[in-house]
Amino acid sequence: MKIALIGATGNAGTSILNELVRRGHAVTAIVRNPEKIAVQPKVTAQKGDVLDQSGLATLIKGHDAVISAVHFSASDPKRLIEAVRASGVKRYLVVGGAGSLEVAPGKKLIDTPEFPPQYKAEAAAGGVFLDLLKQEKELDWTFLSPSALFIAGPRTGKFRLGTDQLLANDKGSSISFEDYAIALADEVEKPAHSRRRFTVGY
């Protein structure tokens, strides 16, 4: 497949890029600093600005799918959605956040006393993004929320999938960037959560 990846140099973006390349896909890595993308077969680095709606639309046109792996607070979900819509690409996958996941019926992680204050703005912006996608009529979107701890770790391929509830085990709630990338790449190749949010964790 030919996939456009917006934000390919971030923690999640780097792992997603590596996973897509490992699977033989052609990736257009759209980043602020293309020189940070290692030269490798099937990867084309393109300079792009997440706030430049028309420029983004031009860069992602002609791809089979678009993946957005940018910080919510550093971007504008409306512009991103409009750019994908204008490009003519229908499949849009978003690296989501955990804040909007439920820890109890009607209670979101972001609203718990333990939620770190420094992450609240980013998490709230992620919830806004998800709400916008839920109103989207044209795009075939998917929003993949990680677990509470989203960190570097091994690529095990052993994880669980869920829907709107936070996944946790006896060690807490976590997923590595590497295993998250597997779940996202699986969804790109075999869509199972069309127009839905899902989550991944151990």
N, C-alpha and C. Protein backbone atom coordinates (compact mmCIF):
# COMPACT_ATOMS: atom_id res chain seq x y z
N MET A 1 0.83 -1.20 0.00
CA MET A 1 0.00 0.00 0.00
C MET A 1 0.87 1.25 0.00
N LYS A 2 0.27 2.34 -0.40
CA LYS A 2 0.94 3.64 -0.38
C LYS A 2 0.30 4.46 0.74
N ILE A 3 1.09 4.77 1.76
CA ILE A 3 0.55 5.38 2.97
C ILE A 3 1.24 6.70 3.28
N ALA A 4 0.46 7.73 3.58
CA ALA A 4 1.00 9.01 4.01
C ALA A 4 0.99 9.04 5.53
N LEU A 5 2.14 9.34 6.14
CA LEU A 5 2.26 9.37 7.60
C LEU A 5 2.64 10.79 8.03
N ILE A 6 1.69 11.47 8.66
CA ILE A 6 1.93 12.84 9.13
C ILE A 6 2.49 12.77 10.55
N GLY A 7 3.69 13.32 10.74
CA GLY A 7 4.32 13.26 12.06
C GLY A 7 5.15 12.01 12.24
N ALA A 8 6.01 11.74 11.27
CA ALA A 8 6.75 10.47 11.26
C ALA A 8 8.00 10.46 12.12
N THR A 9 8.34 11.59 12.78
CA THR A 9 9.56 11.61 13.59
C THR A 9 9.27 11.62 15.10
N GLY A 10 8.00 11.63 15.48
CA GLY A 10 7.66 11.57 16.90
C GLY A 10 7.85 10.16 17.43
N ASN A 11 7.60 9.96 18.72
CA ASN A 11 7.77 8.63 19.32
C ASN A 11 6.89 7.59 18.65
N ALA A 12 5.59 7.90 18.56
CA ALA A 12 4.68 6.95 17.91
C ALA A 12 4.95 6.89 16.41
N GLY A 13 5.15 8.06 15.81
CA GLY A 13 5.37 8.13 14.37
C GLY A 13 6.56 7.32 13.89
N THR A 14 7.66 7.37 14.65
CA THR A 14 8.87 6.62 14.28
C THR A 14 8.59 5.12 14.29
N SER A 15 7.90 4.65 15.33
CA SER A 15 7.60 3.22 15.42
C SER A 15 6.63 2.79 14.32
N ILE A 16 5.66 3.65 14.00
CA ILE A 16 4.71 3.33 12.94
C ILE A 16 5.42 3.28 11.59
N LEU A 17 6.32 4.23 11.35
CA LEU A 17 7.09 4.23 10.11
C LEU A 17 7.89 2.93 9.98
N ASN A 18 8.57 2.56 11.05
CA ASN A 18 9.38 1.33 11.03
C ASN A 18 8.52 0.09 10.76
N GLU A 19 7.35 0.05 11.38
CA GLU A 19 6.46 -1.11 11.21
C GLU A 19 5.92 -1.19 9.78
N LEU A 20 5.55 -0.07 9.21
CA LEU A 20 5.03 -0.06 7.84
C LEU A 20 6.10 -0.46 6.85
N VAL A 21 7.33 0.02 7.08
CA VAL A 21 8.46 -0.34 6.20
C VAL A 21 8.76 -1.83 6.33
N ARG A 22 8.73 -2.33 7.55
CA ARG A 22 8.97 -3.76 7.81
C ARG A 22 7.99 -4.62 7.01
N ARG A 23 6.77 -4.11 6.81
CA ARG A 23 5.73 -4.86 6.10
C ARG A 23 5.72 -4.59 4.60
N GLY A 24 6.65 -3.78 4.13
CA GLY A 24 6.79 -3.59 2.69
C GLY A 24 5.94 -2.50 2.07
N HIS A 25 5.34 -1.63 2.90
CA HIS A 25 4.51 -0.56 2.35
C HIS A 25 5.39 0.62 1.89
N ALA A 26 4.88 1.38 0.95
CA ALA A 26 5.54 2.61 0.51
C ALA A 26 4.99 3.75 1.37
N VAL A 27 5.88 4.47 2.04
CA VAL A 27 5.45 5.50 2.98
C VAL A 27 5.96 6.88 2.59
N THR A 28 5.04 7.84 2.56
CA THR A 28 5.43 9.25 2.44
C THR A 28 5.43 9.82 3.84
N ALA A 29 6.60 10.14 4.36
CA ALA A 29 6.75 10.66 5.71
C ALA A 29 6.67 12.19 5.66
N ILE A 30 5.59 12.74 6.18
CA ILE A 30 5.37 14.19 6.15
C ILE A 30 5.77 14.78 7.50
N VAL A 31 6.83 15.59 7.47
CA VAL A 31 7.42 16.11 8.72
C VAL A 31 7.91 17.54 8.52
N ARG A 32 8.17 18.21 9.64
CA ARG A 32 8.71 19.58 9.56
C ARG A 32 10.15 19.57 9.06
N ASN A 33 10.90 18.53 9.47
CA ASN A 33 12.32 18.46 9.11
C ASN A 33 12.62 17.14 8.40
N PRO A 34 12.47 17.12 7.07
CA PRO A 34 12.66 15.87 6.31
C PRO A 34 14.04 15.25 6.48
N GLU A 35 15.04 16.08 6.79
CA GLU A 35 16.40 15.55 6.95
C GLU A 35 16.52 14.60 8.14
N LYS A 36 15.53 14.62 9.03
CA LYS A 36 15.56 13.72 10.19
C LYS A 36 15.09 12.30 9.84
N ILE A 37 14.53 12.13 8.64
CA ILE A 37 14.08 10.81 8.21
C ILE A 37 15.24 10.07 7.54
N ALA A 38 15.57 8.90 8.08
CA ALA A 38 16.67 8.12 7.50
C ALA A 38 16.34 7.70 6.07
N VAL A 39 17.33 7.77 5.22
CA VAL A 39 17.13 7.35 3.83
C VAL A 39 17.01 5.84 3.78
N GLN A 40 15.91 5.35 3.24
CA GLN A 40 15.69 3.91 3.12
C GLN A 40 14.71 3.65 1.99
N PRO A 41 14.76 2.44 1.42
CA PRO A 41 13.85 2.12 0.32
C PRO A 41 12.38 2.29 0.72
N LYS A 42 11.57 2.73 -0.22
CA LYS A 42 10.12 2.86 -0.05
C LYS A 42 9.69 3.97 0.90
N VAL A 43 10.62 4.80 1.37
CA VAL A 43 10.26 5.93 2.22
C VAL A 43 10.62 7.24 1.52
N THR A 44 9.63 8.10 1.37
CA THR A 44 9.85 9.42 0.78
C THR A 44 9.56 10.47 1.82
N ALA A 45 10.57 11.25 2.20
CA ALA A 45 10.38 12.30 3.20
C ALA A 45 9.93 13.59 2.51
N GLN A 46 8.86 14.18 3.04
CA GLN A 46 8.32 15.42 2.49
C GLN A 46 8.15 16.45 3.60
N LYS A 47 8.54 17.68 3.31
CA LYS A 47 8.36 18.76 4.28
C LYS A 47 6.90 19.20 4.26
N GLY A 48 6.27 19.22 5.44
CA GLY A 48 4.87 19.61 5.51
C GLY A 48 4.57 20.30 6.82
N ASP A 49 3.54 21.13 6.80
CA ASP A 49 3.10 21.87 7.98
C ASP A 49 1.69 21.42 8.31
N VAL A 50 1.47 20.94 9.55
CA VAL A 50 0.16 20.40 9.91
C VAL A 50 -0.94 21.47 9.88
N LEU A 51 -0.56 22.73 9.91
CA LEU A 51 -1.55 23.81 9.87
C LEU A 51 -1.81 24.32 8.46
N ASP A 52 -1.05 23.81 7.49
CA ASP A 52 -1.22 24.21 6.09
C ASP A 52 -2.17 23.23 5.40
N GLN A 53 -3.45 23.55 5.44
CA GLN A 53 -4.48 22.63 4.96
C GLN A 53 -4.31 22.26 3.49
N SER A 54 -4.14 23.25 2.63
CA SER A 54 -4.03 22.97 1.19
C SER A 54 -2.72 22.26 0.86
N GLY A 55 -1.66 22.66 1.55
CA GLY A 55 -0.36 22.01 1.32
C GLY A 55 -0.39 20.55 1.70
N LEU A 56 -1.03 20.24 2.84
CA LEU A 56 -1.16 18.86 3.29
C LEU A 56 -1.99 18.04 2.30
N ALA A 57 -3.08 18.63 1.84
CA ALA A 57 -3.96 17.93 0.90
C ALA A 57 -3.20 17.52 -0.35
N THR A 58 -2.33 18.42 -0.82
CA THR A 58 -1.52 18.13 -2.01
C THR A 58 -0.55 16.98 -1.74
N LEU A 59 0.07 16.99 -0.55
CA LEU A 59 1.06 15.96 -0.21
C LEU A 59 0.45 14.57 -0.07
N ILE A 60 -0.79 14.50 0.44
CA ILE A 60 -1.37 13.18 0.72
C ILE A 60 -2.25 12.65 -0.42
N LYS A 61 -2.47 13.47 -1.41
CA LYS A 61 -3.28 13.03 -2.55
C LYS A 61 -2.66 11.79 -3.21
N GLY A 62 -3.50 10.84 -3.61
CA GLY A 62 -3.01 9.66 -4.32
C GLY A 62 -2.57 8.50 -3.45
N HIS A 63 -2.68 8.65 -2.13
CA HIS A 63 -2.31 7.55 -1.23
C HIS A 63 -3.52 6.66 -0.94
N ASP A 64 -3.25 5.46 -0.46
CA ASP A 64 -4.33 4.52 -0.09
C ASP A 64 -4.89 4.84 1.29
N ALA A 65 -4.05 5.41 2.14
CA ALA A 65 -4.47 5.73 3.50
C ALA A 65 -3.59 6.84 4.05
N VAL A 66 -4.12 7.56 5.03
CA VAL A 66 -3.38 8.61 5.72
C VAL A 66 -3.38 8.28 7.21
N ILE A 67 -2.21 8.40 7.84
CA ILE A 67 -2.10 8.22 9.29
C ILE A 67 -1.62 9.55 9.89
N SER A 68 -2.32 10.01 10.91
CA SER A 68 -1.94 11.23 11.61
C SER A 68 -1.34 10.86 12.96
N ALA A 69 -0.06 11.21 13.17
CA ALA A 69 0.62 10.90 14.43
C ALA A 69 1.22 12.17 15.02
N VAL A 70 0.40 13.23 15.07
CA VAL A 70 0.88 14.52 15.58
C VAL A 70 0.23 14.84 16.92
N HIS A 71 0.89 15.67 17.70
CA HIS A 71 0.32 16.09 18.99
C HIS A 71 -0.94 16.91 18.73
N PHE A 72 -1.97 16.64 19.50
CA PHE A 72 -3.24 17.34 19.31
C PHE A 72 -3.11 18.83 19.58
N SER A 73 -2.33 19.18 20.61
CA SER A 73 -2.21 20.58 21.00
C SER A 73 -1.33 21.38 20.02
N ALA A 74 -0.63 20.68 19.14
CA ALA A 74 0.24 21.36 18.16
C ALA A 74 -0.37 21.35 16.77
N SER A 75 -1.64 20.95 16.68
CA SER A 75 -2.29 20.86 15.38
C SER A 75 -3.75 21.28 15.51
N ASP A 76 -4.44 21.29 14.40
CA ASP A 76 -5.86 21.66 14.39
C ASP A 76 -6.64 20.52 13.73
N PRO A 77 -7.43 19.78 14.52
CA PRO A 77 -8.13 18.62 13.95
C PRO A 77 -9.01 18.97 12.75
N LYS A 78 -9.62 20.15 12.79
CA LYS A 78 -10.48 20.55 11.67
C LYS A 78 -9.68 20.67 10.38
N ARG A 79 -8.50 21.28 10.49
CA ARG A 79 -7.66 21.43 9.30
C ARG A 79 -7.14 20.09 8.80
N LEU A 80 -6.79 19.21 9.72
CA LEU A 80 -6.31 17.88 9.33
C LEU A 80 -7.41 17.11 8.61
N ILE A 81 -8.59 17.11 9.19
CA ILE A 81 -9.72 16.39 8.59
C ILE A 81 -10.06 16.98 7.21
N GLU A 82 -10.08 18.31 7.13
CA GLU A 82 -10.38 18.97 5.85
C GLU A 82 -9.32 18.67 4.80
N ALA A 83 -8.06 18.60 5.23
CA ALA A 83 -6.97 18.31 4.29
C ALA A 83 -7.12 16.91 3.71
N VAL A 84 -7.45 15.94 4.57
CA VAL A 84 -7.63 14.56 4.09
C VAL A 84 -8.84 14.50 3.16
N ARG A 85 -9.90 15.18 3.55
CA ARG A 85 -11.11 15.19 2.73
C ARG A 85 -10.80 15.79 1.34
N ALA A 86 -10.07 16.90 1.33
CA ALA A 86 -9.75 17.58 0.06
C ALA A 86 -8.81 16.76 -0.81
N SER A 87 -8.04 15.88 -0.18
CA SER A 87 -7.06 15.08 -0.94
C SER A 87 -7.74 13.97 -1.75
N GLY A 88 -8.95 13.59 -1.35
CA GLY A 88 -9.64 12.50 -2.02
C GLY A 88 -9.34 11.13 -1.43
N VAL A 89 -8.42 11.07 -0.44
CA VAL A 89 -8.13 9.81 0.25
C VAL A 89 -9.24 9.57 1.27
N LYS A 90 -9.81 8.38 1.27
CA LYS A 90 -10.93 8.09 2.15
C LYS A 90 -10.53 7.52 3.52
N ARG A 91 -9.44 6.76 3.55
CA ARG A 91 -9.05 6.06 4.78
C ARG A 91 -8.14 6.94 5.62
N TYR A 92 -8.57 7.23 6.84
CA TYR A 92 -7.83 8.15 7.71
C TYR A 92 -7.72 7.54 9.11
N LEU A 93 -6.49 7.29 9.56
CA LEU A 93 -6.25 6.71 10.88
C LEU A 93 -5.54 7.72 11.76
N VAL A 94 -5.97 7.82 13.01
CA VAL A 94 -5.43 8.82 13.92
C VAL A 94 -4.83 8.15 15.16
N VAL A 95 -3.60 8.55 15.48
CA VAL A 95 -2.99 8.11 16.74
C VAL A 95 -3.68 8.90 17.84
N GLY A 96 -4.52 8.21 18.60
CA GLY A 96 -5.36 8.87 19.59
C GLY A 96 -4.69 9.00 20.94
N GLY A 97 -5.48 9.40 21.92
CA GLY A 97 -5.00 9.52 23.28
C GLY A 97 -5.82 8.63 24.20
N ALA A 98 -5.32 8.44 25.43
CA ALA A 98 -6.02 7.58 26.39
C ALA A 98 -7.02 8.34 27.25
N GLY A 99 -6.89 9.66 27.29
CA GLY A 99 -7.71 10.47 28.20
C GLY A 99 -9.20 10.31 28.04
N SER A 100 -9.63 10.05 26.80
CA SER A 100 -11.07 9.94 26.54
C SER A 100 -11.62 8.53 26.77
N LEU A 101 -10.75 7.59 27.16
CA LEU A 101 -11.21 6.23 27.46
C LEU A 101 -11.93 6.19 28.81
N GLU A 102 -12.90 5.31 28.92
CA GLU A 102 -13.65 5.20 30.17
C GLU A 102 -12.96 4.28 31.17
N VAL A 103 -12.96 4.70 32.43
CA VAL A 103 -12.44 3.85 33.52
C VAL A 103 -13.60 3.25 34.31
N ALA A 104 -14.78 3.81 34.11
CA ALA A 104 -16.04 3.32 34.69
C ALA A 104 -17.14 3.88 33.80
N PRO A 105 -18.33 3.29 33.85
CA PRO A 105 -19.40 3.80 32.98
C PRO A 105 -19.61 5.31 33.12
N GLY A 106 -19.41 6.03 32.01
CA GLY A 106 -19.61 7.47 32.02
C GLY A 106 -18.48 8.29 32.62
N LYS A 107 -17.39 7.62 33.07
CA LYS A 107 -16.27 8.34 33.67
C LYS A 107 -15.00 8.14 32.84
N LYS A 108 -14.45 9.24 32.36
CA LYS A 108 -13.26 9.17 31.51
C LYS A 108 -11.98 9.27 32.33
N LEU A 109 -10.92 8.69 31.79
CA LEU A 109 -9.61 8.72 32.46
C LEU A 109 -9.19 10.15 32.79
N ILE A 110 -9.42 11.07 31.86
CA ILE A 110 -9.00 12.46 32.06
C ILE A 110 -9.67 13.09 33.28
N ASP A 111 -10.84 12.57 33.67
CA ASP A 111 -11.59 13.15 34.78
C ASP A 111 -11.28 12.50 36.14
N THR A 112 -10.30 11.59 36.17
CA THR A 112 -9.93 10.96 37.44
C THR A 112 -8.92 11.84 38.18
N PRO A 113 -8.91 11.77 39.52
CA PRO A 113 -7.99 12.61 40.31
C PRO A 113 -6.52 12.32 40.02
N GLU A 114 -6.23 11.08 39.59
CA GLU A 114 -4.83 10.69 39.37
C GLU A 114 -4.27 11.19 38.03
N PHE A 115 -5.14 11.70 37.17
CA PHE A 115 -4.66 12.09 35.84
C PHE A 115 -3.66 13.25 35.96
N PRO A 116 -2.45 13.11 35.39
CA PRO A 116 -1.41 14.14 35.52
C PRO A 116 -1.85 15.48 34.90
N PRO A 117 -1.83 16.56 35.67
CA PRO A 117 -2.28 17.87 35.19
C PRO A 117 -1.55 18.34 33.93
N GLN A 118 -0.27 17.97 33.82
CA GLN A 118 0.52 18.44 32.67
C GLN A 118 0.07 17.84 31.34
N TYR A 119 -0.71 16.77 31.40
CA TYR A 119 -1.18 16.13 30.16
C TYR A 119 -2.64 16.45 29.85
N LYS A 120 -3.28 17.25 30.71
CA LYS A 120 -4.72 17.49 30.56
C LYS A 120 -5.07 18.22 29.26
N ALA A 121 -4.29 19.23 28.91
CA ALA A 121 -4.60 20.02 27.70
C ALA A 121 -4.52 19.15 26.46
N GLU A 122 -3.47 18.34 26.39
CA GLU A 122 -3.29 17.44 25.24
C GLU A 122 -4.41 16.40 25.18
N ALA A 123 -4.74 15.84 26.34
CA ALA A 123 -5.79 14.82 26.40
C ALA A 123 -7.15 15.40 26.03
N ALA A 124 -7.43 16.60 26.51
CA ALA A 124 -8.70 17.25 26.19
C ALA A 124 -8.81 17.52 24.70
N ALA A 125 -7.69 17.93 24.09
CA ALA A 125 -7.68 18.19 22.65
C ALA A 125 -7.91 16.90 21.87
N GLY A 126 -7.41 15.79 22.39
CA GLY A 126 -7.64 14.49 21.76
C GLY A 126 -9.11 14.11 21.79
N GLY A 127 -9.78 14.44 22.89
CA GLY A 127 -11.21 14.17 23.00
C GLY A 127 -12.01 14.98 22.00
N VAL A 128 -11.59 16.22 21.78
CA VAL A 128 -12.24 17.09 20.79
C VAL A 128 -12.08 16.49 19.39
N PHE A 129 -10.87 15.99 19.10
CA PHE A 129 -10.58 15.38 17.79
C PHE A 129 -11.52 14.18 17.56
N LEU A 130 -11.65 13.32 18.58
CA LEU A 130 -12.50 12.15 18.46
C LEU A 130 -13.96 12.55 18.22
N ASP A 131 -14.41 13.57 18.94
CA ASP A 131 -15.79 14.03 18.77
C ASP A 131 -16.03 14.55 17.34
N LEU A 132 -15.04 15.25 16.79
CA LEU A 132 -15.15 15.74 15.42
C LEU A 132 -15.24 14.58 14.43
N LEU A 133 -14.41 13.56 14.64
CA LEU A 133 -14.42 12.40 13.75
C LEU A 133 -15.77 11.68 13.79
N LYS A 134 -16.37 11.64 14.96
CA LYS A 134 -17.66 10.96 15.10
C LYS A 134 -18.76 11.64 14.29
N GLN A 135 -18.54 12.91 13.95
CA GLN A 135 -19.51 13.64 13.13
C GLN A 135 -19.17 13.56 11.64
N GLU A 136 -18.02 12.96 11.32
CA GLU A 136 -17.52 12.92 9.94
C GLU A 136 -18.34 11.95 9.08
N LYS A 137 -18.81 12.45 7.95
CA LYS A 137 -19.66 11.64 7.07
C LYS A 137 -18.92 11.06 5.86
N GLU A 138 -17.82 11.71 5.45
CA GLU A 138 -17.15 11.30 4.21
C GLU A 138 -16.01 10.30 4.43
N LEU A 139 -15.20 10.55 5.43
CA LEU A 139 -13.99 9.74 5.61
C LEU A 139 -14.26 8.42 6.32
N ASP A 140 -13.50 7.41 5.95
CA ASP A 140 -13.52 6.12 6.63
C ASP A 140 -12.42 6.19 7.69
N TRP A 141 -12.77 6.71 8.86
CA TRP A 141 -11.77 7.02 9.89
C TRP A 141 -11.67 5.93 10.96
N THR A 142 -10.52 5.91 11.62
CA THR A 142 -10.30 5.06 12.80
C THR A 142 -9.41 5.83 13.76
N PHE A 143 -9.74 5.80 15.04
CA PHE A 143 -9.00 6.51 16.09
C PHE A 143 -8.50 5.44 17.06
N LEU A 144 -7.19 5.24 17.13
CA LEU A 144 -6.64 4.20 18.00
C LEU A 144 -6.03 4.82 19.26
N SER A 145 -6.68 4.59 20.38
CA SER A 145 -6.20 5.11 21.66
C SER A 145 -5.20 4.14 22.29
N PRO A 146 -4.07 4.65 22.76
CA PRO A 146 -3.14 3.79 23.49
C PRO A 146 -3.64 3.59 24.92
N SER A 147 -2.90 2.85 25.70
CA SER A 147 -3.21 2.72 27.12
C SER A 147 -2.68 3.94 27.87
N ALA A 148 -2.88 3.98 29.19
CA ALA A 148 -2.51 5.16 29.98
C ALA A 148 -1.02 5.48 29.84
N LEU A 149 -0.18 4.47 29.96
CA LEU A 149 1.26 4.66 29.76
C LEU A 149 1.61 4.28 28.33
N PHE A 150 2.09 5.24 27.57
CA PHE A 150 2.44 5.04 26.15
C PHE A 150 3.93 5.31 26.06
N ILE A 151 4.73 4.24 26.04
CA ILE A 151 6.17 4.37 26.27
C ILE A 151 6.99 3.48 25.34
N ALA A 152 8.28 3.77 25.27
CA ALA A 152 9.19 2.92 24.50
C ALA A 152 9.30 1.57 25.19
N GLY A 153 9.41 0.52 24.41
CA GLY A 153 9.49 -0.82 24.99
C GLY A 153 9.70 -1.85 23.91
N PRO A 154 9.61 -3.11 24.25
CA PRO A 154 9.85 -4.16 23.25
C PRO A 154 8.69 -4.30 22.26
N ARG A 155 9.02 -4.84 21.10
CA ARG A 155 8.00 -5.19 20.10
C ARG A 155 7.66 -6.66 20.34
N THR A 156 6.59 -6.91 21.10
CA THR A 156 6.26 -8.29 21.48
C THR A 156 5.20 -8.91 20.57
N GLY A 157 4.30 -8.08 20.04
CA GLY A 157 3.19 -8.60 19.26
C GLY A 157 2.12 -9.24 20.13
N LYS A 158 2.28 -9.12 21.45
CA LYS A 158 1.31 -9.72 22.37
C LYS A 158 0.59 -8.60 23.13
N PHE A 159 -0.65 -8.36 22.76
CA PHE A 159 -1.43 -7.30 23.38
C PHE A 159 -2.91 -7.60 23.21
N ARG A 160 -3.74 -6.80 23.86
CA ARG A 160 -5.19 -6.95 23.75
C ARG A 160 -5.78 -5.73 23.07
N LEU A 161 -6.91 -5.92 22.41
CA LEU A 161 -7.64 -4.81 21.83
C LEU A 161 -8.93 -4.59 22.59
N GLY A 162 -9.35 -3.35 22.69
CA GLY A 162 -10.61 -3.03 23.34
C GLY A 162 -11.33 -1.95 22.55
N THR A 163 -12.39 -1.41 23.13
CA THR A 163 -13.16 -0.38 22.42
C THR A 163 -13.04 0.97 23.11
N ASP A 164 -13.96 1.30 24.01
CA ASP A 164 -13.95 2.61 24.66
C ASP A 164 -13.52 2.57 26.12
N GLN A 165 -13.16 1.38 26.62
CA GLN A 165 -12.75 1.26 28.02
C GLN A 165 -11.23 1.08 28.12
N LEU A 166 -10.65 1.75 29.10
CA LEU A 166 -9.21 1.64 29.33
C LEU A 166 -8.83 0.20 29.66
N LEU A 167 -7.81 -0.32 28.98
CA LEU A 167 -7.33 -1.67 29.26
C LEU A 167 -6.25 -1.62 30.34
N ALA A 168 -6.29 -2.55 31.26
CA ALA A 168 -5.29 -2.61 32.33
C ALA A 168 -5.10 -4.06 32.76
N ASN A 169 -3.94 -4.32 33.36
CA ASN A 169 -3.69 -5.64 33.96
C ASN A 169 -3.10 -5.42 35.34
N ASP A 170 -2.55 -6.46 35.94
CA ASP A 170 -2.05 -6.30 37.31
C ASP A 170 -0.84 -5.39 37.41
N LYS A 171 -0.26 -5.02 36.27
CA LYS A 171 0.89 -4.10 36.27
C LYS A 171 0.47 -2.68 35.89
N GLY A 172 -0.82 -2.49 35.70
CA GLY A 172 -1.29 -1.16 35.32
C GLY A 172 -1.80 -1.14 33.88
N SER A 173 -1.78 0.04 33.29
CA SER A 173 -2.29 0.22 31.94
C SER A 173 -1.18 0.78 31.06
N SER A 174 -0.68 -0.03 30.12
CA SER A 174 0.43 0.43 29.28
C SER A 174 0.47 -0.27 27.94
N ILE A 175 1.18 0.37 27.00
CA ILE A 175 1.48 -0.23 25.69
C ILE A 175 2.76 0.43 25.18
N SER A 176 3.60 -0.35 24.53
CA SER A 176 4.82 0.23 23.95
C SER A 176 4.49 0.87 22.61
N PHE A 177 5.31 1.85 22.21
CA PHE A 177 5.15 2.46 20.89
C PHE A 177 5.22 1.37 19.81
N GLU A 178 6.11 0.42 20.04
CA GLU A 178 6.36 -0.63 19.05
C GLU A 178 5.15 -1.55 18.86
N ASP A 179 4.52 -1.95 19.97
CA ASP A 179 3.34 -2.82 19.86
C ASP A 179 2.12 -2.03 19.38
N TYR A 180 2.04 -0.78 19.78
CA TYR A 180 0.96 0.09 19.27
C TYR A 180 1.04 0.14 17.74
N ALA A 181 2.27 0.28 17.22
CA ALA A 181 2.47 0.37 15.77
C ALA A 181 1.98 -0.90 15.06
N ILE A 182 2.16 -2.06 15.70
CA ILE A 182 1.66 -3.31 15.12
C ILE A 182 0.14 -3.25 15.00
N ALA A 183 -0.53 -2.84 16.08
CA ALA A 183 -1.99 -2.77 16.07
C ALA A 183 -2.50 -1.81 15.01
N LEU A 184 -1.80 -0.67 14.86
CA LEU A 184 -2.23 0.32 13.86
C LEU A 184 -1.99 -0.19 12.44
N ALA A 185 -0.84 -0.81 12.22
CA ALA A 185 -0.54 -1.36 10.89
C ALA A 185 -1.51 -2.49 10.53
N ASP A 186 -1.88 -3.30 11.51
CA ASP A 186 -2.88 -4.36 11.28
C ASP A 186 -4.20 -3.73 10.80
N GLU A 187 -4.57 -2.62 11.44
CA GLU A 187 -5.82 -1.94 11.10
C GLU A 187 -5.76 -1.33 9.70
N VAL A 188 -4.59 -0.86 9.31
CA VAL A 188 -4.41 -0.32 7.95
C VAL A 188 -4.63 -1.43 6.93
N GLU A 189 -4.01 -2.57 7.19
CA GLU A 189 -4.05 -3.69 6.23
C GLU A 189 -5.41 -4.40 6.21
N LYS A 190 -5.99 -4.58 7.38
CA LYS A 190 -7.28 -5.28 7.47
C LYS A 190 -8.22 -4.48 8.37
N PRO A 191 -8.89 -3.47 7.79
CA PRO A 191 -9.75 -2.60 8.60
C PRO A 191 -10.83 -3.38 9.36
N ALA A 192 -10.85 -3.20 10.67
CA ALA A 192 -11.84 -3.89 11.50
C ALA A 192 -12.58 -2.90 12.40
N HIS A 193 -12.16 -1.62 12.36
CA HIS A 193 -12.77 -0.61 13.22
C HIS A 193 -13.11 0.64 12.41
N SER A 194 -13.87 0.43 11.35
CA SER A 194 -14.26 1.53 10.49
C SER A 194 -15.20 2.50 11.20
N ARG A 195 -14.84 3.79 11.16
CA ARG A 195 -15.63 4.85 11.81
C ARG A 195 -15.83 4.59 13.30
N ARG A 196 -14.76 4.07 13.92
CA ARG A 196 -14.82 3.78 15.35
C ARG A 196 -13.50 4.06 16.02
N ARG A 197 -13.56 4.23 17.35
CA ARG A 197 -12.35 4.27 18.15
C ARG A 197 -12.12 2.87 18.72
N PHE A 198 -10.86 2.48 18.82
CA PHE A 198 -10.54 1.27 19.59
C PHE A 198 -9.26 1.53 20.36
N THR A 199 -8.90 0.61 21.22
CA THR A 199 -7.73 0.82 22.06
C THR A 199 -6.89 -0.45 22.10
N VAL A 200 -5.63 -0.28 22.51
CA VAL A 200 -4.70 -1.41 22.58
C VAL A 200 -3.92 -1.32 23.90
N GLY A 201 -3.70 -2.47 24.53
CA GLY A 201 -2.95 -2.49 25.78
C GLY A 201 -2.58 -3.92 26.15
N TYR A 202 -1.78 -4.05 27.20
CA TYR A 202 -1.35 -5.37 27.64
C TYR A 202 -2.38 -6.00 28.58
